Amino acid sequence: MGVNAVGFGAPAVDMAGPSGGGSNPRLKALEQKLQQLTQEKKKAEESRDEDKVRKLEQQIQNVKRQIEQLKKKEEKDKEAEEPGAPAAGPSDPSAGAYVDVTV
């Protein structure tokens, strides 16, 4: 048969949007600003306003940098507060202190 079924192995759809699921209002605001600047840049390109295109491109790169920095910070904070994260040392100070290697 020539019909391919989509199984359970299909990729999940991220319903949270481009921010990767975060609910950070700063991140959302930056992403909205990025969309706004991108639209303005398209209009400037259509009207062949090269000076405005250049300025908008700089602003877009700045906002992208801010978004990336914020995402990195959130990821770092998330890793630090995960319950399964490795602790600084063993909870039992005597753990691993002596290993019997005789058979």
N, C-alpha and C. Protein backbone atom coordinates (compact mmCIF):
# COMPACT_ATOMS: atom_id res chain seq x y z
N MET A 1 0.83 -1.20 0.00
CA MET A 1 0.00 0.00 0.00
C MET A 1 0.86 1.25 0.00
N GLY A 2 0.34 2.32 -0.53
CA GLY A 2 1.10 3.55 -0.63
C GLY A 2 0.75 4.58 0.42
N VAL A 3 0.08 4.17 1.51
CA VAL A 3 -0.33 5.12 2.52
C VAL A 3 0.60 5.00 3.72
N ASN A 4 1.18 6.12 4.11
CA ASN A 4 2.05 6.15 5.27
C ASN A 4 1.28 6.73 6.45
N ALA A 5 1.22 6.00 7.52
CA ALA A 5 0.52 6.48 8.71
C ALA A 5 1.47 7.26 9.59
N VAL A 6 0.92 8.26 10.26
CA VAL A 6 1.72 9.02 11.22
C VAL A 6 1.55 8.33 12.56
N GLY A 7 2.65 7.88 13.12
CA GLY A 7 2.58 7.14 14.38
C GLY A 7 2.87 8.02 15.58
N PHE A 8 3.09 7.35 16.69
CA PHE A 8 3.36 8.06 17.92
C PHE A 8 4.75 8.70 17.91
N GLY A 9 5.59 8.37 16.95
CA GLY A 9 6.92 8.92 16.87
C GLY A 9 6.96 10.30 16.25
N ALA A 10 5.82 10.88 15.94
CA ALA A 10 5.78 12.21 15.34
C ALA A 10 6.27 13.24 16.35
N PRO A 11 6.94 14.29 15.90
CA PRO A 11 7.45 15.29 16.83
C PRO A 11 6.33 16.03 17.53
N ALA A 12 6.58 16.40 18.76
CA ALA A 12 5.59 17.14 19.54
C ALA A 12 5.52 18.57 19.05
N VAL A 13 4.36 19.17 19.20
CA VAL A 13 4.17 20.54 18.79
C VAL A 13 4.28 21.42 20.03
N ASP A 14 5.12 22.43 19.96
CA ASP A 14 5.29 23.36 21.07
C ASP A 14 4.19 24.41 21.01
N MET A 15 3.26 24.33 21.92
CA MET A 15 2.13 25.25 21.92
C MET A 15 2.46 26.57 22.58
N ALA A 16 3.64 26.70 23.18
CA ALA A 16 4.00 27.89 23.93
C ALA A 16 4.55 29.00 23.04
N GLY A 17 4.83 28.73 21.79
CA GLY A 17 5.34 29.76 20.91
C GLY A 17 6.84 29.73 20.82
N PRO A 18 7.42 30.77 20.21
CA PRO A 18 8.86 30.77 19.95
C PRO A 18 9.74 30.92 21.18
N SER A 19 9.17 31.27 22.32
CA SER A 19 10.00 31.47 23.50
C SER A 19 10.42 30.17 24.15
N GLY A 20 9.99 29.04 23.62
CA GLY A 20 10.42 27.77 24.16
C GLY A 20 9.66 27.36 25.40
N GLY A 21 8.49 27.92 25.64
CA GLY A 21 7.68 27.50 26.75
C GLY A 21 7.81 28.36 27.99
N GLY A 22 8.71 29.32 27.96
CA GLY A 22 8.87 30.17 29.13
C GLY A 22 7.71 31.14 29.28
N SER A 23 7.44 31.53 30.50
CA SER A 23 6.37 32.49 30.73
C SER A 23 6.95 33.83 31.18
N ASN A 24 8.20 34.07 30.85
CA ASN A 24 8.87 35.30 31.22
C ASN A 24 8.30 36.47 30.42
N PRO A 25 7.71 37.45 31.10
CA PRO A 25 7.12 38.58 30.38
C PRO A 25 8.15 39.41 29.62
N ARG A 26 9.37 39.48 30.14
CA ARG A 26 10.44 40.23 29.44
C ARG A 26 10.77 39.57 28.11
N LEU A 27 10.83 38.23 28.13
CA LEU A 27 11.13 37.48 26.91
C LEU A 27 10.02 37.67 25.89
N LYS A 28 8.79 37.60 26.34
CA LYS A 28 7.66 37.80 25.43
C LYS A 28 7.67 39.19 24.83
N ALA A 29 7.99 40.19 25.65
CA ALA A 29 8.03 41.56 25.16
C ALA A 29 9.13 41.73 24.11
N LEU A 30 10.29 41.12 24.36
CA LEU A 30 11.38 41.20 23.39
C LEU A 30 11.02 40.52 22.08
N GLU A 31 10.34 39.39 22.15
CA GLU A 31 9.94 38.68 20.94
C GLU A 31 8.91 39.49 20.15
N GLN A 32 8.00 40.16 20.86
CA GLN A 32 7.04 41.02 20.18
C GLN A 32 7.74 42.19 19.51
N LYS A 33 8.74 42.76 20.20
CA LYS A 33 9.51 43.86 19.64
C LYS A 33 10.26 43.41 18.39
N LEU A 34 10.80 42.19 18.44
CA LEU A 34 11.50 41.63 17.28
C LEU A 34 10.56 41.50 16.08
N GLN A 35 9.35 41.02 16.32
CA GLN A 35 8.37 40.90 15.24
C GLN A 35 8.02 42.27 14.66
N GLN A 36 7.85 43.25 15.55
CA GLN A 36 7.51 44.61 15.11
C GLN A 36 8.63 45.20 14.26
N LEU A 37 9.86 45.05 14.72
CA LEU A 37 11.00 45.58 13.98
C LEU A 37 11.16 44.89 12.62
N THR A 38 10.90 43.59 12.60
CA THR A 38 11.01 42.84 11.35
C THR A 38 9.98 43.34 10.34
N GLN A 39 8.77 43.61 10.81
CA GLN A 39 7.73 44.15 9.91
C GLN A 39 8.11 45.54 9.40
N GLU A 40 8.64 46.37 10.30
CA GLU A 40 9.06 47.71 9.89
C GLU A 40 10.18 47.63 8.86
N LYS A 41 11.10 46.69 9.06
CA LYS A 41 12.21 46.52 8.13
C LYS A 41 11.69 46.11 6.74
N LYS A 42 10.72 45.20 6.71
CA LYS A 42 10.14 44.79 5.42
C LYS A 42 9.53 45.97 4.69
N LYS A 43 8.82 46.82 5.44
CA LYS A 43 8.21 48.00 4.82
C LYS A 43 9.29 48.96 4.30
N ALA A 44 10.36 49.11 5.09
CA ALA A 44 11.45 49.99 4.67
C ALA A 44 12.14 49.45 3.43
N GLU A 45 12.26 48.12 3.34
CA GLU A 45 12.85 47.50 2.16
C GLU A 45 11.97 47.73 0.93
N GLU A 46 10.66 47.61 1.13
CA GLU A 46 9.72 47.83 0.02
C GLU A 46 9.78 49.27 -0.47
N SER A 47 9.97 50.21 0.45
CA SER A 47 10.04 51.62 0.05
C SER A 47 11.47 52.04 -0.30
N ARG A 48 12.38 51.08 -0.24
CA ARG A 48 13.80 51.28 -0.62
C ARG A 48 14.48 52.37 0.21
N ASP A 49 14.12 52.39 1.50
CA ASP A 49 14.75 53.34 2.43
C ASP A 49 15.93 52.63 3.09
N GLU A 50 17.09 52.68 2.43
CA GLU A 50 18.26 51.92 2.86
C GLU A 50 18.77 52.35 4.24
N ASP A 51 18.69 53.63 4.53
CA ASP A 51 19.15 54.13 5.82
C ASP A 51 18.30 53.53 6.95
N LYS A 52 16.99 53.53 6.74
CA LYS A 52 16.08 52.98 7.76
C LYS A 52 16.27 51.48 7.89
N VAL A 53 16.49 50.79 6.77
CA VAL A 53 16.73 49.35 6.79
C VAL A 53 17.96 49.04 7.65
N ARG A 54 19.03 49.82 7.45
CA ARG A 54 20.26 49.62 8.20
C ARG A 54 20.04 49.81 9.70
N LYS A 55 19.33 50.88 10.06
CA LYS A 55 19.05 51.17 11.47
C LYS A 55 18.20 50.06 12.10
N LEU A 56 17.19 49.62 11.36
CA LEU A 56 16.32 48.57 11.87
C LEU A 56 17.07 47.25 12.03
N GLU A 57 17.97 46.97 11.10
CA GLU A 57 18.75 45.74 11.19
C GLU A 57 19.61 45.74 12.45
N GLN A 58 20.18 46.90 12.78
CA GLN A 58 20.96 47.01 14.01
C GLN A 58 20.08 46.78 15.24
N GLN A 59 18.90 47.36 15.22
CA GLN A 59 17.98 47.16 16.34
C GLN A 59 17.55 45.70 16.46
N ILE A 60 17.32 45.07 15.32
CA ILE A 60 16.92 43.65 15.31
C ILE A 60 18.03 42.80 15.90
N GLN A 61 19.28 43.05 15.51
CA GLN A 61 20.40 42.28 16.05
C GLN A 61 20.53 42.50 17.55
N ASN A 62 20.31 43.71 18.00
CA ASN A 62 20.39 44.02 19.43
C ASN A 62 19.31 43.25 20.21
N VAL A 63 18.10 43.25 19.70
CA VAL A 63 17.00 42.54 20.36
C VAL A 63 17.27 41.03 20.36
N LYS A 64 17.79 40.51 19.24
CA LYS A 64 18.11 39.08 19.17
C LYS A 64 19.16 38.71 20.22
N ARG A 65 20.16 39.59 20.40
CA ARG A 65 21.19 39.35 21.41
C ARG A 65 20.58 39.32 22.81
N GLN A 66 19.68 40.27 23.07
CA GLN A 66 19.01 40.33 24.38
C GLN A 66 18.19 39.06 24.63
N ILE A 67 17.49 38.60 23.60
CA ILE A 67 16.68 37.38 23.73
C ILE A 67 17.59 36.19 24.04
N GLU A 68 18.69 36.07 23.32
CA GLU A 68 19.61 34.96 23.52
C GLU A 68 20.20 34.99 24.92
N GLN A 69 20.59 36.17 25.40
CA GLN A 69 21.15 36.28 26.73
C GLN A 69 20.12 35.90 27.79
N LEU A 70 18.89 36.34 27.59
CA LEU A 70 17.83 36.04 28.55
C LEU A 70 17.53 34.55 28.57
N LYS A 71 17.51 33.92 27.40
CA LYS A 71 17.26 32.48 27.33
C LYS A 71 18.39 31.70 28.02
N LYS A 72 19.63 32.13 27.81
CA LYS A 72 20.77 31.47 28.47
C LYS A 72 20.66 31.60 29.98
N LYS A 73 20.30 32.80 30.45
CA LYS A 73 20.16 33.02 31.88
C LYS A 73 19.05 32.16 32.45
N GLU A 74 17.92 32.07 31.75
CA GLU A 74 16.81 31.24 32.21
C GLU A 74 17.23 29.77 32.27
N GLU A 75 17.97 29.32 31.27
CA GLU A 75 18.42 27.93 31.22
C GLU A 75 19.35 27.64 32.39
N LYS A 76 20.25 28.58 32.67
CA LYS A 76 21.18 28.43 33.79
C LYS A 76 20.42 28.35 35.10
N ASP A 77 19.45 29.27 35.28
CA ASP A 77 18.64 29.29 36.50
C ASP A 77 17.83 28.00 36.63
N LYS A 78 17.31 27.52 35.52
CA LYS A 78 16.50 26.30 35.51
C LYS A 78 17.35 25.10 35.93
N GLU A 79 18.56 25.01 35.41
CA GLU A 79 19.46 23.91 35.75
C GLU A 79 19.83 23.95 37.23
N ALA A 80 19.99 25.14 37.77
CA ALA A 80 20.39 25.30 39.16
C ALA A 80 19.30 24.87 40.13
N GLU A 81 18.05 24.99 39.74
CA GLU A 81 16.96 24.66 40.66
C GLU A 81 16.30 23.30 40.39
N GLU A 82 16.82 22.53 39.44
CA GLU A 82 16.26 21.21 39.18
C GLU A 82 16.54 20.29 40.37
N PRO A 83 15.54 19.53 40.82
CA PRO A 83 15.73 18.67 41.98
C PRO A 83 16.72 17.53 41.75
N GLY A 84 16.90 17.07 40.54
CA GLY A 84 17.79 15.96 40.25
C GLY A 84 19.21 16.39 39.96
N ALA A 85 19.49 17.68 40.11
CA ALA A 85 20.83 18.18 39.81
C ALA A 85 21.83 17.64 40.81
N PRO A 86 23.03 17.33 40.38
CA PRO A 86 24.03 16.79 41.30
C PRO A 86 24.39 17.80 42.36
N ALA A 87 24.52 17.32 43.57
CA ALA A 87 24.87 18.18 44.69
C ALA A 87 26.37 18.44 44.68
N ALA A 88 26.80 19.34 45.54
CA ALA A 88 28.22 19.69 45.61
C ALA A 88 29.06 18.52 46.09
N GLY A 89 28.51 17.66 46.89
CA GLY A 89 29.25 16.51 47.41
C GLY A 89 28.27 15.43 47.82
N PRO A 90 28.76 14.27 48.26
CA PRO A 90 27.86 13.19 48.69
C PRO A 90 27.13 13.57 49.97
N SER A 91 25.90 13.07 50.13
CA SER A 91 25.12 13.39 51.32
C SER A 91 25.67 12.65 52.54
N ASP A 92 26.30 11.50 52.32
CA ASP A 92 26.93 10.74 53.40
C ASP A 92 28.43 10.96 53.29
N PRO A 93 29.05 11.63 54.27
CA PRO A 93 30.47 11.93 54.16
C PRO A 93 31.35 10.69 54.08
N SER A 94 30.89 9.56 54.58
CA SER A 94 31.70 8.35 54.55
C SER A 94 31.52 7.57 53.25
N ALA A 95 30.60 8.00 52.40
CA ALA A 95 30.34 7.29 51.15
C ALA A 95 31.54 7.36 50.24
N GLY A 96 31.99 6.21 49.79
CA GLY A 96 33.12 6.15 48.87
C GLY A 96 34.47 6.32 49.53
N ALA A 97 34.49 6.39 50.86
CA ALA A 97 35.76 6.61 51.56
C ALA A 97 36.63 5.35 51.50
N TYR A 98 36.01 4.17 51.47
CA TYR A 98 36.78 2.92 51.44
C TYR A 98 36.15 1.98 50.44
N VAL A 99 36.97 1.45 49.58
CA VAL A 99 36.49 0.49 48.59
C VAL A 99 37.31 -0.77 48.73
N ASP A 100 36.65 -1.90 48.98
CA ASP A 100 37.34 -3.18 49.11
C ASP A 100 37.46 -3.79 47.73
N VAL A 101 38.69 -3.94 47.24
CA VAL A 101 38.89 -4.47 45.91
C VAL A 101 39.34 -5.93 45.93
N THR A 102 39.41 -6.54 47.11
CA THR A 102 39.80 -7.95 47.17
C THR A 102 38.64 -8.84 46.75
N VAL A 103 38.98 -9.95 46.13
CA VAL A 103 37.95 -10.84 45.64
C VAL A 103 37.86 -12.07 46.51
